[in-house]
Amino acid sequence: MSAERHAPATGAAPDASTPERSEDVTVRDPVSAPDAEGVPRRTTRRFPLFTRDTARPEGGGRAAPGDAPAPARQWPILAVLLTAGLGLLVTALDQFRLGTLLVGVALVAGAVLRWTVRNVGMLAVRSRFTDIVTYGGLGLGIVVLALMVQPDPKLRIPFLADLLHFTISG
């Protein structure tokens, strides 16, 4: 049985080499081809913990019903963007550590929302796994750097001073 089916060209009469088919369906990937009900036979090939399907992210979905106003439908991305924007505003008003902490916390909150909320609307950019790793990694990195900023760092990592002296005086 062939995994690929082709419909005859428009206007061409079927001949002995082209079997007549009632469907105009081309199946290119037999692993994830839909069955009769339209459900893929195999829904994931990678990261079964987070990703339901590798075809496309759920970015076009809504986080609230369709009859809700647009801001309510996209509340996850609005919450992350408003918190990050507030952090940038606080940073511009000469509170660098607090502002960058807000930006980092906004990204970590985006990772948590992406993990826990099923429909996050436009907060979904890539697969669930990739979004969680990207938002969480960048957010944690920004938080750590905000806590290490001079003067009076709140977080000290001892080997970084030695590494800096080694690279400069090397």
Protein backbone atom coordinates (compact mmCIF):
# COMPACT_ATOMS: atom_id res chain seq x y z
CA MET A 1 0.00 0.00 0.00
CA SER A 2 1.44 3.33 -1.03
CA ALA A 3 1.63 6.13 1.53
CA GLU A 4 1.19 8.73 -1.17
CA ARG A 5 -2.00 9.25 -3.15
CA HIS A 6 -2.42 11.68 -6.00
CA ALA A 7 -5.55 12.92 -7.72
CA PRO A 8 -5.43 12.99 -11.51
CA ALA A 9 -4.66 16.32 -13.15
CA THR A 10 -7.63 18.52 -13.98
CA GLY A 11 -9.15 17.68 -17.32
CA ALA A 12 -7.02 14.58 -17.78
CA ALA A 13 -8.78 11.32 -18.42
CA PRO A 14 -7.78 8.48 -16.13
CA ASP A 15 -5.74 5.80 -17.85
CA ALA A 16 -4.66 2.32 -16.85
CA SER A 17 -1.59 3.60 -14.94
CA THR A 18 -3.57 6.11 -12.82
CA PRO A 19 -6.06 4.47 -10.47
CA GLU A 20 -9.29 6.41 -10.19
CA ARG A 21 -9.83 7.93 -6.75
CA SER A 22 -12.80 9.76 -5.32
CA GLU A 23 -10.61 11.83 -2.96
CA ASP A 24 -8.41 14.79 -3.88
CA VAL A 25 -6.04 14.26 -0.96
CA THR A 26 -2.26 14.18 -1.06
CA VAL A 27 -0.62 12.56 1.94
CA ARG A 28 3.04 13.52 2.21
CA ASP A 29 3.83 12.32 5.75
CA PRO A 30 2.37 8.87 6.44
CA VAL A 31 3.39 9.00 10.12
CA SER A 32 1.09 11.89 10.99
CA ALA A 33 -1.54 11.42 8.28
CA PRO A 34 -5.06 11.86 9.61
CA ASP A 35 -7.40 8.92 9.91
CA ALA A 36 -11.03 8.92 8.72
CA GLU A 37 -12.09 11.23 11.59
CA GLY A 38 -9.26 13.71 10.86
CA VAL A 39 -7.16 12.79 13.92
CA PRO A 40 -3.45 12.22 13.23
CA ARG A 41 -2.32 8.63 13.73
CA ARG A 42 0.70 9.73 15.70
CA THR A 43 0.46 13.14 17.34
CA THR A 44 4.02 13.72 18.48
CA ARG A 45 7.54 12.64 17.68
CA ARG A 46 9.45 14.69 20.23
CA PHE A 47 9.08 16.04 23.76
CA PRO A 48 5.94 14.11 24.74
CA LEU A 49 5.86 15.87 28.13
CA PHE A 50 5.02 19.30 26.72
CA THR A 51 4.34 19.18 23.00
CA ARG A 52 1.09 17.78 21.69
CA ASP A 53 1.91 18.21 18.00
CA THR A 54 4.94 19.46 16.12
CA ALA A 55 3.02 20.86 13.17
CA ARG A 56 2.45 24.43 14.41
CA PRO A 57 2.15 26.32 17.71
CA GLU A 58 -1.19 27.22 19.20
CA GLY A 59 -0.57 30.97 18.71
CA GLY A 60 -3.79 31.70 16.88
CA GLY A 61 -5.97 30.38 19.66
CA ARG A 62 -7.84 32.37 22.23
CA ALA A 63 -7.39 32.42 25.99
CA ALA A 64 -11.07 33.37 26.50
CA PRO A 65 -14.30 32.67 24.58
CA GLY A 66 -14.79 34.25 21.16
CA ASP A 67 -17.53 36.60 22.36
CA ALA A 68 -15.18 38.23 24.91
CA PRO A 69 -13.49 41.53 23.97
CA ALA A 70 -10.08 41.27 22.27
CA PRO A 71 -7.98 42.21 25.34
CA ALA A 72 -9.73 39.53 27.42
CA ARG A 73 -9.06 36.90 24.75
CA GLN A 74 -5.32 37.63 24.82
CA TRP A 75 -4.85 38.26 28.56
CA PRO A 76 -1.69 36.09 28.96
CA ILE A 77 0.43 38.05 26.48
CA LEU A 78 -1.00 41.34 27.72
CA ALA A 79 -0.04 40.49 31.32
CA VAL A 80 3.53 39.64 30.29
CA LEU A 81 3.91 42.69 28.03
CA LEU A 82 2.45 45.14 30.56
CA THR A 83 4.71 43.81 33.33
CA ALA A 84 7.78 43.99 31.08
CA GLY A 85 6.75 47.50 29.95
CA LEU A 86 6.35 48.58 33.56
CA GLY A 87 9.83 47.21 34.23
CA LEU A 88 11.27 49.22 31.34
CA LEU A 89 9.51 52.36 32.61
CA VAL A 90 10.87 51.83 36.14
CA THR A 91 14.35 51.30 34.65
CA ALA A 92 14.03 54.56 32.71
CA LEU A 93 13.07 56.34 35.96
CA ASP A 94 16.51 55.44 37.41
CA GLN A 95 15.58 52.28 39.35
CA PHE A 96 17.69 49.89 37.32
CA ARG A 97 17.65 46.86 39.61
CA LEU A 98 13.90 46.96 40.28
CA GLY A 99 13.07 47.56 36.61
CA THR A 100 15.21 44.72 35.30
CA LEU A 101 13.82 42.42 38.00
CA LEU A 102 10.32 43.21 36.74
CA VAL A 103 11.33 42.39 33.16
CA GLY A 104 12.86 39.07 34.27
CA VAL A 105 9.86 38.19 36.43
CA ALA A 106 7.54 38.96 33.50
CA LEU A 107 9.40 36.44 31.31
CA VAL A 108 9.42 33.79 34.05
CA ALA A 109 5.67 34.39 34.51
CA GLY A 110 5.27 33.91 30.74
CA ALA A 111 7.00 30.52 31.04
CA VAL A 112 4.75 29.53 33.94
CA LEU A 113 1.63 30.64 32.03
CA ARG A 114 2.76 28.73 28.95
CA TRP A 115 3.19 25.59 31.06
CA THR A 116 0.01 25.78 33.13
CA VAL A 117 -2.62 27.46 30.93
CA ARG A 118 -3.84 25.41 27.98
CA ASN A 119 -4.91 28.26 25.68
CA VAL A 120 -2.52 31.19 26.03
CA GLY A 121 -3.36 32.91 22.76
CA MET A 122 -0.50 34.83 21.17
CA LEU A 123 1.87 34.00 24.04
CA ALA A 124 2.38 30.71 22.17
CA VAL A 125 5.02 31.34 19.54
CA ARG A 126 6.67 27.97 19.07
CA SER A 127 6.06 24.56 20.60
CA ARG A 128 5.19 24.50 24.29
CA PHE A 129 8.59 23.04 25.23
CA THR A 130 10.54 25.66 23.26
CA ASP A 131 8.46 28.53 24.64
CA ILE A 132 8.93 27.37 28.24
CA VAL A 133 12.69 26.96 27.82
CA THR A 134 13.08 30.30 26.01
CA TYR A 135 10.90 32.41 28.33
CA GLY A 136 12.19 30.72 31.48
CA GLY A 137 15.87 30.78 30.51
CA LEU A 138 15.88 34.42 29.45
CA GLY A 139 13.81 35.44 32.48
CA LEU A 140 16.07 33.63 34.96
CA GLY A 141 19.16 35.07 33.28
CA ILE A 142 17.81 38.62 33.55
CA VAL A 143 16.82 38.10 37.21
CA VAL A 144 20.29 36.74 38.09
CA LEU A 145 22.03 39.61 36.31
CA ALA A 146 19.73 42.16 38.00
CA LEU A 147 20.64 40.70 41.39
CA MET A 148 24.38 40.86 40.58
CA VAL A 149 24.47 44.47 39.36
CA GLN A 150 26.83 46.91 41.11
CA PRO A 151 26.86 48.77 43.50
CA ASP A 152 25.76 46.61 46.42
CA PRO A 153 25.02 43.34 44.60
CA LYS A 154 22.35 41.18 46.24
CA LEU A 155 23.85 38.02 44.72
CA ARG A 156 27.55 37.23 44.66
CA ILE A 157 29.00 34.34 42.68
CA PRO A 158 32.60 33.87 43.88
CA PHE A 159 34.13 32.19 40.83
CA LEU A 160 33.02 35.04 38.52
CA ALA A 161 35.49 37.50 40.11
CA ASP A 162 38.31 34.98 39.62
CA LEU A 163 37.21 34.37 36.04
CA LEU A 164 37.16 38.11 35.33
CA HIS A 165 40.66 38.61 36.80
CA PHE A 166 41.95 35.61 34.84
CA THR A 167 40.60 36.89 31.50
CA ILE A 168 41.77 40.48 31.98
CA SER A 169 45.25 39.83 33.43
CA GLY A 170 45.80 36.58 31.43
